Structures are given as structure tokens and as C-alpha cells.
Amino acid sequence: MKPFKHLLPLLTLGLIIVNLTTFMLYVSDDVNRWMRFGNMILFFLLFITPYYYNKKGLIVLILFLICDGLLIYYESAFVNALIFITRSVSYLLLAVMVVQRVRKLKTNLLQKLIFTFAVALNIFLLYSLIEMVPSSKYYTFIDFLFYIYGISVIVCVIIAVSYSNRYADKTSLFFLGAVLSLAFSDLTYFISVYLKFSDFYLAVIVFNILGIALVLQFLLVDKTKREVSNPELME
């Protein structure tokens, strides 16, 4: 299995370089979307190797794969709605992976007040983003789907931060890095597509590739930790 040890960082770096180069040479939405789908296929193929594979992350990686495939037909209102739903479920399943580990986390009144303020602020920012959606891209139920998606991201980020604060180990840091990278990828995608700041797609590329890579690294480290604690555990 040792040949796989450095494959993920090498693949991640290679994909970032290739995707950024392609973006600068061919500024095309179609090319960018196919490249993103291709990235996800490569990550998924790496995931299903014996070194990385585990049942815990299978559905999440499949949903990310489906979501990136659907992005190719982003202009379709029906497909766009499916993307919101798929992405929302992906974030919630990521959160479910570690929610048991932070369920017993004790907080004081000040922390609860800060938490409530942070959630309220993020919901307000989410409302502000929805108001920025151009009428040309607006369709029935997009507000509802956007709120569902946004709340799922907020929940996932809060759980990731709580998980990292409680354990502060490699597993929790990789998870936090993955969630934040994916969230920043989605935010910059919104800015690039809806607000027409195409240069932000450079950030989309980097954050999305890093996010998926960190998901794989989290799954690998978590799997290894569980196998060490329970040698009879078979994934």
C-alpha cells in the first residue's frame, strides 16, 4: 500500500496545476465544468482503491460525483434544483460522520450566545446572497432550496469547528479543512456564476480540489485510527 501514500498529494497538486492552466487557456464554462467532473472521477477512482475505501464515505463521494456531473447542465432549472438538493445532502452526511463525537460537548452561556449570533448572522448573509440572484437565473422554489442548502452548510461548518476545537488532532483538522474548503468553493462559485466575477473561478478550482482531497485524507486517517483501535474491524 505504500505507493498510495503520496498519491493523493501528488494528484491534488497535479489537478490544481492542470485545471488552473486550462482555465487560463480556455475561459469556457463548458470546459471548466467537464474538468471539474473529471477531477471528481479521478478522486473517486482513488477512493475505491483498498487503501482509501471505506463504507463510511462511499455515499458522500458518490453524491459529490453526481453533483459535479449535474453541474455540466447547470442552466436547466430542474438540474439546478437537483444540484442544490444533492449538495445539501452531501454536507449533512459529512456532518453526520462526526456529530456523535461532539454531541456531549459542554458549552457555557457565553458560548451559546456566540453560537446563536453566528447562526443568525450566517442566515442573514444567506438571505443577502439570495437577493443577489439575477432574475435570469431565478426559478420557482430556488429561495427554498437555497435556504435548505445554506443551512446545511452552516450546520456542517459549526459541527466541523466544534469537532476541531474538542479534539484538535489530525482527523478533526482534516475534516475542518475539508468542510471549509468545500464551503469556500461553493461561495466563490456563487460569486463567479451569479455575480459574473469570472476570476473568482480560480479560487473555485483550488478550494474544490483541496476540499475533496481533504475529505479523502480525513476518511483515510479516521479509518486507520479505527482499525488500530479495533484490529478486527474490516471495511
Protein backbone atom coordinates (compact mmCIF):
# COMPACT_ATOMS: atom_id res chain seq x y z
CA MET A 1 0.00 0.00 0.00
CA LYS A 2 2.98 2.35 0.34
CA PRO A 3 2.80 3.55 -3.30
CA PHE A 4 -0.56 5.12 -2.42
CA LYS A 5 0.89 7.14 0.47
CA HIS A 6 2.00 10.09 -1.67
CA LEU A 7 -0.51 9.63 -4.48
CA LEU A 8 -3.20 11.89 -3.01
CA PRO A 9 -0.99 14.99 -2.51
CA LEU A 10 0.63 14.46 -5.93
CA LEU A 11 -2.77 14.03 -7.58
CA THR A 12 -4.11 17.12 -5.78
CA LEU A 13 -1.17 19.30 -6.83
CA GLY A 14 -1.29 17.97 -10.38
CA LEU A 15 -5.01 18.62 -10.74
CA ILE A 16 -4.68 22.17 -9.40
CA ILE A 17 -1.91 22.96 -11.90
CA VAL A 18 -3.72 21.36 -14.85
CA ASN A 19 -7.06 22.98 -14.01
CA LEU A 20 -5.64 26.46 -13.47
CA THR A 21 -3.65 26.21 -16.71
CA THR A 22 -6.71 25.02 -18.61
CA PHE A 23 -8.82 27.83 -17.17
CA MET A 24 -6.32 30.48 -18.26
CA LEU A 25 -6.00 28.97 -21.75
CA TYR A 26 -9.68 28.20 -22.34
CA VAL A 27 -12.00 30.53 -20.44
CA SER A 28 -15.07 28.41 -21.07
CA ASP A 29 -17.83 27.36 -18.67
CA ASP A 30 -18.27 24.06 -20.50
CA VAL A 31 -14.57 23.20 -20.29
CA ASN A 32 -14.41 24.18 -16.61
CA ARG A 33 -17.41 22.02 -15.72
CA TRP A 34 -16.09 18.98 -17.59
CA MET A 35 -12.70 19.46 -15.94
CA ARG A 36 -14.34 19.59 -12.52
CA PHE A 37 -16.30 16.41 -13.26
CA GLY A 38 -13.08 14.76 -14.44
CA ASN A 39 -11.35 15.77 -11.20
CA MET A 40 -14.09 14.15 -9.18
CA ILE A 41 -13.91 10.95 -11.23
CA LEU A 42 -10.17 10.68 -10.53
CA PHE A 43 -10.68 11.28 -6.81
CA PHE A 44 -13.47 8.70 -6.74
CA LEU A 45 -11.32 6.12 -8.51
CA LEU A 46 -8.62 6.72 -5.91
CA PHE A 47 -11.18 6.41 -3.12
CA ILE A 48 -12.39 2.97 -4.21
CA THR A 49 -8.87 1.51 -4.05
CA PRO A 50 -8.29 -0.74 -0.98
CA TYR A 51 -6.01 1.87 0.60
CA TYR A 52 -8.73 4.55 0.82
CA TYR A 53 -12.06 2.77 0.51
CA ASN A 54 -14.44 2.55 3.42
CA LYS A 55 -18.19 2.35 3.60
CA LYS A 56 -18.40 5.45 5.77
CA GLY A 57 -17.57 7.82 2.94
CA LEU A 58 -18.98 5.94 -0.05
CA ILE A 59 -22.36 7.69 -0.26
CA VAL A 60 -20.79 11.12 0.31
CA LEU A 61 -18.27 10.63 -2.50
CA ILE A 62 -20.99 9.29 -4.82
CA LEU A 63 -23.14 12.37 -4.12
CA PHE A 64 -20.21 14.72 -4.81
CA LEU A 65 -19.62 12.82 -8.06
CA ILE A 66 -23.27 13.13 -9.07
CA CYS A 67 -23.32 16.82 -8.14
CA ASP A 68 -20.27 17.64 -10.28
CA GLY A 69 -21.77 15.67 -13.16
CA LEU A 70 -25.02 17.63 -12.88
CA LEU A 71 -23.09 20.93 -12.94
CA ILE A 72 -22.45 20.35 -16.65
CA TYR A 73 -26.16 21.11 -17.23
CA TYR A 74 -26.37 23.88 -14.60
CA GLU A 75 -28.61 26.14 -16.73
CA SER A 76 -31.53 23.72 -16.54
CA ALA A 77 -33.85 24.73 -13.68
CA PHE A 78 -34.63 21.08 -12.91
CA VAL A 79 -30.96 20.08 -12.84
CA ASN A 80 -30.11 23.20 -10.84
CA ALA A 81 -32.66 22.16 -8.20
CA LEU A 82 -31.17 18.65 -8.10
CA ILE A 83 -27.73 20.17 -7.54
CA PHE A 84 -28.97 22.15 -4.52
CA ILE A 85 -30.60 19.02 -3.07
CA THR A 86 -27.59 16.77 -3.73
CA ARG A 87 -25.13 19.30 -2.33
CA SER A 88 -27.27 19.85 0.77
CA VAL A 89 -27.46 16.11 1.49
CA SER A 90 -23.69 15.83 0.97
CA TYR A 91 -22.96 18.43 3.64
CA LEU A 92 -25.44 16.89 6.07
CA LEU A 93 -23.92 13.42 5.61
CA LEU A 94 -20.47 14.89 6.22
CA ALA A 95 -21.78 16.37 9.46
CA VAL A 96 -23.38 13.06 10.48
CA MET A 97 -19.95 11.38 10.25
CA VAL A 98 -18.70 13.24 13.32
CA VAL A 99 -21.81 14.53 15.07
CA GLN A 100 -21.68 11.75 17.68
CA ARG A 101 -18.20 12.92 18.69
CA VAL A 102 -19.37 16.45 19.51
CA ARG A 103 -22.80 15.62 20.91
CA LYS A 104 -21.54 15.62 24.51
CA LEU A 105 -19.55 18.82 24.07
CA LYS A 106 -20.21 21.09 27.07
CA THR A 107 -20.74 24.81 26.45
CA ASN A 108 -21.30 27.78 28.74
CA LEU A 109 -23.83 30.60 28.34
CA LEU A 110 -21.38 32.91 26.52
CA GLN A 111 -20.51 30.20 24.01
CA LYS A 112 -24.22 29.54 23.42
CA LEU A 113 -24.84 33.27 22.82
CA ILE A 114 -21.91 33.47 20.38
CA PHE A 115 -23.18 30.34 18.63
CA THR A 116 -26.71 31.81 18.30
CA PHE A 117 -25.32 35.12 16.99
CA ALA A 118 -23.12 33.31 14.45
CA VAL A 119 -26.06 31.26 13.16
CA ALA A 120 -28.27 34.36 12.89
CA LEU A 121 -25.52 36.29 11.09
CA ASN A 122 -24.97 33.46 8.62
CA ILE A 123 -28.69 33.20 7.88
CA PHE A 124 -28.78 36.96 7.24
CA LEU A 125 -25.80 36.64 4.88
CA LEU A 126 -27.59 33.76 3.18
CA TYR A 127 -30.65 35.97 2.69
CA SER A 128 -28.39 38.69 1.22
CA LEU A 129 -26.89 36.20 -1.25
CA ILE A 130 -30.34 35.06 -2.37
CA GLU A 131 -31.29 38.68 -3.05
CA MET A 132 -28.29 38.90 -5.41
CA VAL A 133 -29.51 36.08 -7.67
CA PRO A 134 -30.18 37.63 -11.11
CA SER A 135 -33.74 37.39 -12.41
CA SER A 136 -32.43 35.45 -15.43
CA LYS A 137 -31.36 32.62 -13.12
CA TYR A 138 -34.39 32.75 -10.85
CA TYR A 139 -36.97 29.96 -10.86
CA THR A 140 -39.73 28.67 -8.59
CA PHE A 141 -38.53 27.23 -5.26
CA ILE A 142 -34.95 28.50 -5.67
CA ASP A 143 -35.32 30.55 -2.46
CA PHE A 144 -36.43 27.49 -0.51
CA LEU A 145 -33.68 25.27 -1.96
CA PHE A 146 -31.07 27.96 -1.36
CA TYR A 147 -32.07 28.23 2.30
CA ILE A 148 -32.01 24.43 2.75
CA TYR A 149 -28.59 24.30 1.13
CA GLY A 150 -27.25 27.26 3.11
CA ILE A 151 -28.47 25.91 6.44
CA SER A 152 -26.90 22.51 5.69
CA VAL A 153 -23.56 24.24 5.05
CA ILE A 154 -23.86 26.28 8.25
CA VAL A 155 -24.68 23.16 10.29
CA CYS A 156 -21.75 21.26 8.78
CA VAL A 157 -19.30 24.12 9.41
CA ILE A 158 -20.46 24.52 13.03
CA ILE A 159 -20.06 20.80 13.70
CA ALA A 160 -16.65 20.80 11.99
CA VAL A 161 -15.44 23.72 14.11
CA SER A 162 -16.80 22.12 17.30
CA TYR A 163 -15.16 18.81 16.39
CA SER A 164 -11.82 20.51 15.77
CA ASN A 165 -11.99 22.55 18.98
CA ARG A 166 -12.76 19.48 21.07
CA TYR A 167 -10.14 17.08 19.71
CA ALA A 168 -7.56 19.23 17.87
CA ASP A 169 -5.99 16.16 16.25
CA LYS A 170 -5.14 15.35 12.63
CA THR A 171 -8.51 13.73 11.99
CA SER A 172 -10.52 16.73 13.17
CA LEU A 173 -8.22 19.21 11.39
CA PHE A 174 -8.54 17.36 8.08
CA PHE A 175 -12.31 17.32 8.50
CA LEU A 176 -12.44 21.04 9.29
CA GLY A 177 -10.16 21.81 6.34
CA ALA A 178 -12.36 19.74 4.02
CA VAL A 179 -15.61 21.40 5.10
CA LEU A 180 -14.23 24.94 4.98
CA SER A 181 -12.60 24.36 1.57
CA LEU A 182 -15.84 23.00 0.12
CA ALA A 183 -17.83 25.88 1.63
CA PHE A 184 -15.41 28.47 0.20
CA SER A 185 -15.55 26.66 -3.13
CA ASP A 186 -19.33 26.99 -3.21
CA LEU A 187 -19.22 30.63 -2.12
CA THR A 188 -16.70 31.59 -4.81
CA TYR A 189 -18.72 29.58 -7.35
CA PHE A 190 -21.76 31.70 -6.49
CA ILE A 191 -19.73 34.88 -6.93
CA SER A 192 -18.28 33.63 -10.22
CA VAL A 193 -21.52 32.37 -11.78
CA TYR A 194 -24.26 34.56 -10.32
CA LEU A 195 -22.36 37.82 -9.88
CA LYS A 196 -20.27 37.37 -13.07
CA PHE A 197 -16.83 37.76 -11.48
CA SER A 198 -15.17 35.12 -13.61
CA ASP A 199 -11.74 35.49 -11.99
CA PHE A 200 -13.19 34.01 -8.81
CA TYR A 201 -13.34 30.68 -10.63
CA LEU A 202 -9.61 30.35 -9.95
CA ALA A 203 -10.49 30.15 -6.24
CA VAL A 204 -13.33 27.73 -7.03
CA ILE A 205 -10.86 25.36 -8.68
CA VAL A 206 -8.33 25.42 -5.84
CA PHE A 207 -10.85 25.19 -2.99
CA ASN A 208 -12.89 22.42 -4.63
CA ILE A 209 -9.88 20.21 -5.37
CA LEU A 210 -8.45 20.80 -1.89
CA GLY A 211 -11.85 20.12 -0.31
CA ILE A 212 -12.32 16.72 -1.95
CA ALA A 213 -8.69 15.78 -1.31
CA LEU A 214 -9.08 16.63 2.39
CA VAL A 215 -12.29 14.58 2.57
CA LEU A 216 -10.31 11.57 1.31
CA GLN A 217 -7.48 12.29 3.74
CA PHE A 218 -9.93 12.59 6.64
CA LEU A 219 -11.57 9.28 5.69
CA LEU A 220 -8.16 7.59 5.44
CA VAL A 221 -6.88 8.87 8.81
CA ASP A 222 -10.19 8.11 10.51
CA LYS A 223 -10.26 4.62 9.01
CA THR A 224 -6.68 3.94 10.11
CA LYS A 225 -7.41 5.16 13.63
CA ARG A 226 -10.46 2.90 13.95
CA GLU A 227 -8.59 -0.13 12.58
CA VAL A 228 -5.77 0.41 15.09
CA SER A 229 -8.25 0.65 17.97
CA ASN A 230 -10.13 -2.39 16.62
CA PRO A 231 -7.87 -4.67 14.53
CA GLU A 232 -10.83 -6.90 13.65
CA LEU A 233 -12.65 -4.01 12.00
CA MET A 234 -12.99 -4.74 8.31
CA GLU A 235 -14.13 -2.08 5.88
